């Protein structure tokens, strides 16, 4: 297990040469103790251009098991959001995982929906945290992605149990970064380099390689 600066404890899983947290990050502070601003107001979220987090629907009951929703400034502007010795994975580190699970390099380098069943190998099986049909979900990898939902750039919340969109640390422009997307109705994995940094998405951490 791994513990963050807030004392939250996470289980881990080894997939190929990578070690991942099996759960979404729940910390409210960076590793140096700096609090991440907790932005609940819809207008403030819409105009916030620095690190922020919230809970889904601004309700802490969603902390377990869904974790927090972070804008990209929290996930990518600094390198100390994850527990010590861990980091927010890059686009390339996600591709390494996807190729290990069976994607071709050409598929991994693509955008929108890619692959065949790789998303199913990553999603938690069943409908406890996903809406039906949760297509192809076997969680063969053990990564256990849940249907976490998101906070839109408008400040509104949505897609709980329908989808999960997870930040990478890879910036694509001054206003955009790359993310991964999983959906109840698709067994593949979405990749989009044009995710507005104002989105609120969950974060998964990967262990630093020695």
Protein backbone atom coordinates (compact mmCIF):
# COMPACT_ATOMS: atom_id res chain seq x y z
CA UNK A 1 0.00 0.00 0.00
CA UNK A 2 0.94 3.66 -0.40
CA UNK A 3 -0.04 6.63 1.77
CA UNK A 4 -0.46 10.24 0.64
CA UNK A 5 0.27 13.40 2.67
CA UNK A 6 -3.34 13.45 3.94
CA UNK A 7 -2.99 9.89 5.27
CA UNK A 8 -5.19 8.26 2.61
CA UNK A 9 -4.05 4.71 1.90
CA UNK A 10 -4.06 3.20 -1.60
CA UNK A 11 -3.61 -0.30 -2.95
CA UNK A 12 -1.22 -0.85 -5.86
CA UNK A 13 -1.05 -3.15 -8.87
CA UNK A 14 1.89 -4.17 -11.07
CA UNK A 15 1.13 -4.30 -14.80
CA UNK A 16 4.11 -5.21 -16.94
CA UNK A 17 7.01 -2.97 -15.89
CA UNK A 18 4.71 -0.38 -14.32
CA UNK A 19 3.25 -0.04 -10.82
CA UNK A 20 -0.02 1.88 -10.54
CA UNK A 21 -2.37 2.95 -7.79
CA UNK A 22 -5.55 0.86 -8.03
CA UNK A 23 -7.60 3.82 -6.81
CA UNK A 24 -8.17 7.44 -7.78
CA UNK A 25 -6.21 10.04 -5.85
CA UNK A 26 -7.95 11.66 -2.85
CA UNK A 27 -5.37 14.12 -1.56
CA UNK A 28 -6.27 17.74 -0.82
CA UNK A 29 -2.64 18.87 -0.50
CA UNK A 30 0.55 18.81 -2.52
CA UNK A 31 3.44 16.86 -1.03
CA UNK A 32 5.06 19.97 0.44
CA UNK A 33 1.89 20.54 2.48
CA UNK A 34 0.50 23.31 0.26
CA UNK A 35 -3.31 23.05 0.24
CA UNK A 36 -4.95 22.60 -3.16
CA UNK A 37 -7.72 25.22 -3.41
CA UNK A 38 -11.11 23.55 -2.88
CA UNK A 39 -13.30 25.28 -5.48
CA UNK A 40 -17.03 24.61 -5.16
CA UNK A 41 -18.50 27.73 -6.76
CA UNK A 42 -19.56 27.13 -10.35
CA UNK A 43 -18.44 30.55 -11.63
CA UNK A 44 -15.11 30.40 -9.82
CA UNK A 45 -14.41 26.93 -11.27
CA UNK A 46 -15.18 28.19 -14.76
CA UNK A 47 -12.61 30.99 -14.48
CA UNK A 48 -9.96 29.26 -12.35
CA UNK A 49 -6.55 29.09 -14.06
CA UNK A 50 -4.51 27.58 -11.23
CA UNK A 51 -4.68 24.31 -9.22
CA UNK A 52 -8.11 23.32 -7.86
CA UNK A 53 -9.99 20.25 -6.74
CA UNK A 54 -13.52 19.32 -5.73
CA UNK A 55 -15.64 16.29 -4.90
CA UNK A 56 -18.31 15.15 -7.35
CA UNK A 57 -21.42 17.33 -6.88
CA UNK A 58 -19.39 19.11 -4.18
CA UNK A 59 -20.31 16.25 -1.83
CA UNK A 60 -17.56 14.57 0.19
CA UNK A 61 -19.60 11.34 0.26
CA UNK A 62 -18.08 10.69 -3.19
CA UNK A 63 -14.52 10.71 -1.82
CA UNK A 64 -14.77 6.95 -1.31
CA UNK A 65 -14.33 5.20 -3.67
CA UNK A 66 -14.32 7.77 -6.49
CA UNK A 67 -11.59 10.13 -5.32
CA UNK A 68 -11.29 13.84 -6.04
CA UNK A 69 -11.74 15.72 -9.30
CA UNK A 70 -8.75 17.91 -10.17
CA UNK A 71 -8.25 20.47 -12.89
CA UNK A 72 -5.14 19.98 -14.98
CA UNK A 73 -3.29 22.76 -13.21
CA UNK A 74 -3.31 20.58 -10.09
CA UNK A 75 -2.40 17.46 -12.06
CA UNK A 76 0.21 18.89 -14.41
CA UNK A 77 1.58 22.30 -13.38
CA UNK A 78 3.53 20.75 -10.50
CA UNK A 79 5.12 17.33 -10.05
CA UNK A 80 4.15 16.69 -6.43
CA UNK A 81 0.42 15.92 -6.48
CA UNK A 82 0.98 12.15 -6.14
CA UNK A 83 2.53 10.49 -3.07
CA UNK A 84 6.32 10.72 -2.74
CA UNK A 85 7.96 8.40 -5.27
CA UNK A 86 4.93 8.54 -7.55
CA UNK A 87 3.76 10.88 -10.33
CA UNK A 88 0.87 11.64 -12.68
CA UNK A 89 1.51 9.39 -15.71
CA UNK A 90 2.39 10.92 -19.05
CA UNK A 91 0.64 10.21 -22.33
CA UNK A 92 3.53 7.88 -23.25
CA UNK A 93 3.23 5.96 -19.98
CA UNK A 94 -0.45 5.38 -20.71
CA UNK A 95 0.51 4.17 -24.18
CA UNK A 96 3.00 1.74 -22.63
CA UNK A 97 0.15 0.30 -20.55
CA UNK A 98 -2.18 0.11 -23.54
CA UNK A 99 0.39 -1.64 -25.71
CA UNK A 100 1.13 -4.11 -22.91
CA UNK A 101 -2.61 -4.89 -22.83
CA UNK A 102 -2.68 -5.56 -26.57
CA UNK A 103 -2.91 -2.34 -28.58
CA UNK A 104 -0.63 -1.85 -31.54
CA UNK A 105 1.64 1.20 -31.51
CA UNK A 106 -0.42 2.64 -34.37
CA UNK A 107 -3.61 2.25 -32.34
CA UNK A 108 -2.00 3.71 -29.22
CA UNK A 109 -0.83 6.78 -31.18
CA UNK A 110 -4.35 7.41 -32.48
CA UNK A 111 -7.03 9.62 -31.01
CA UNK A 112 -10.69 9.25 -30.01
CA UNK A 113 -11.62 5.58 -29.41
CA UNK A 114 -8.76 3.13 -29.92
CA UNK A 115 -8.10 -0.56 -29.43
CA UNK A 116 -10.54 -3.40 -29.02
CA UNK A 117 -10.91 -4.67 -25.46
CA UNK A 118 -8.13 -2.77 -23.64
CA UNK A 119 -10.61 -0.48 -21.86
CA UNK A 120 -12.54 -3.53 -20.71
CA UNK A 121 -9.34 -4.97 -19.24
CA UNK A 122 -9.00 -1.78 -17.15
CA UNK A 123 -12.61 -1.11 -16.07
CA UNK A 124 -14.04 -2.60 -12.90
CA UNK A 125 -16.42 -5.42 -13.87
CA UNK A 126 -20.11 -5.35 -12.99
CA UNK A 127 -22.45 -2.43 -12.36
CA UNK A 128 -21.66 -1.37 -8.78
CA UNK A 129 -19.82 1.71 -10.08
CA UNK A 130 -20.77 1.59 -13.78
CA UNK A 131 -24.06 1.90 -15.62
CA UNK A 132 -25.14 -0.95 -17.87
CA UNK A 133 -23.88 -2.42 -20.14
CA UNK A 134 -20.29 -1.74 -18.93
CA UNK A 135 -19.20 -3.22 -22.22
CA UNK A 136 -16.32 -5.69 -22.16
CA UNK A 137 -15.39 -5.00 -18.53
CA UNK A 138 -13.21 -7.75 -17.02
CA UNK A 139 -10.64 -5.70 -15.03
CA UNK A 140 -8.11 -8.30 -16.16
CA UNK A 141 -5.33 -5.76 -15.53
CA UNK A 142 -6.41 -5.08 -11.93
CA UNK A 143 -6.36 -1.30 -12.48
CA UNK A 144 -10.04 -1.08 -11.48
CA UNK A 145 -11.21 2.12 -13.19
CA UNK A 146 -14.65 3.23 -11.91
CA UNK A 147 -17.34 5.32 -13.60
CA UNK A 148 -16.27 8.44 -11.76
CA UNK A 149 -17.92 11.17 -13.81
CA UNK A 150 -16.42 14.60 -14.30
CA UNK A 151 -16.73 18.32 -13.71
CA UNK A 152 -17.23 20.15 -16.98
CA UNK A 153 -15.47 23.40 -17.87
CA UNK A 154 -18.84 25.07 -17.21
CA UNK A 155 -18.55 24.03 -13.56
CA UNK A 156 -21.42 21.53 -13.87
CA UNK A 157 -21.08 17.85 -12.97
CA UNK A 158 -22.09 14.82 -15.03
CA UNK A 159 -21.51 11.32 -16.46
CA UNK A 160 -21.30 9.59 -13.07
CA UNK A 161 -21.36 5.81 -13.75
CA UNK A 162 -21.39 6.51 -17.50
CA UNK A 163 -17.74 7.41 -17.96
CA UNK A 164 -14.37 8.08 -16.41
CA UNK A 165 -11.90 10.59 -17.82
CA UNK A 166 -8.39 10.58 -16.35
CA UNK A 167 -5.69 13.21 -16.74
CA UNK A 168 -2.23 12.60 -18.11
CA UNK A 169 0.61 14.97 -17.21
CA UNK A 170 1.14 15.77 -20.90
CA UNK A 171 0.34 19.32 -21.96
CA UNK A 172 -0.66 19.85 -25.60
CA UNK A 173 -1.14 23.64 -25.60
CA UNK A 174 -1.38 26.55 -23.19
CA UNK A 175 -5.04 25.70 -22.56
CA UNK A 176 -5.20 21.94 -23.25
CA UNK A 177 -3.78 18.63 -22.06
CA UNK A 178 -4.15 14.96 -22.99
CA UNK A 179 -6.58 12.66 -21.22
CA UNK A 180 -7.85 9.07 -21.30
CA UNK A 181 -11.54 8.20 -21.40
CA UNK A 182 -13.45 5.07 -20.45
CA UNK A 183 -17.17 4.54 -21.01
CA UNK A 184 -19.89 2.11 -20.05
CA UNK A 185 -20.79 1.57 -23.69
CA UNK A 186 -17.30 1.05 -25.09
CA UNK A 187 -14.57 -1.54 -24.45
CA UNK A 188 -11.83 0.61 -26.00
CA UNK A 189 -9.92 3.55 -24.55
CA UNK A 190 -10.41 7.14 -25.67
CA UNK A 191 -7.45 9.49 -26.09
CA UNK A 192 -7.87 13.22 -26.55
CA UNK A 193 -5.00 15.74 -26.60
CA UNK A 194 -7.45 18.67 -26.59
CA UNK A 195 -8.84 18.41 -23.07
CA UNK A 196 -9.40 21.88 -21.64
CA UNK A 197 -7.37 22.32 -18.47
CA UNK A 198 -10.46 23.62 -16.66
CA UNK A 199 -12.07 20.15 -16.66
CA UNK A 200 -12.28 18.33 -13.33
CA UNK A 201 -11.07 14.74 -13.80
CA UNK A 202 -9.75 12.02 -11.47
CA UNK A 203 -6.02 11.27 -11.29
CA UNK A 204 -4.25 7.91 -11.16
CA UNK A 205 -0.63 7.79 -10.05
CA UNK A 206 2.22 5.65 -11.35
CA UNK A 207 5.40 4.80 -9.43
CA UNK A 208 8.67 6.46 -10.42
CA UNK A 209 11.06 4.06 -12.13
CA UNK A 210 14.41 3.64 -10.42
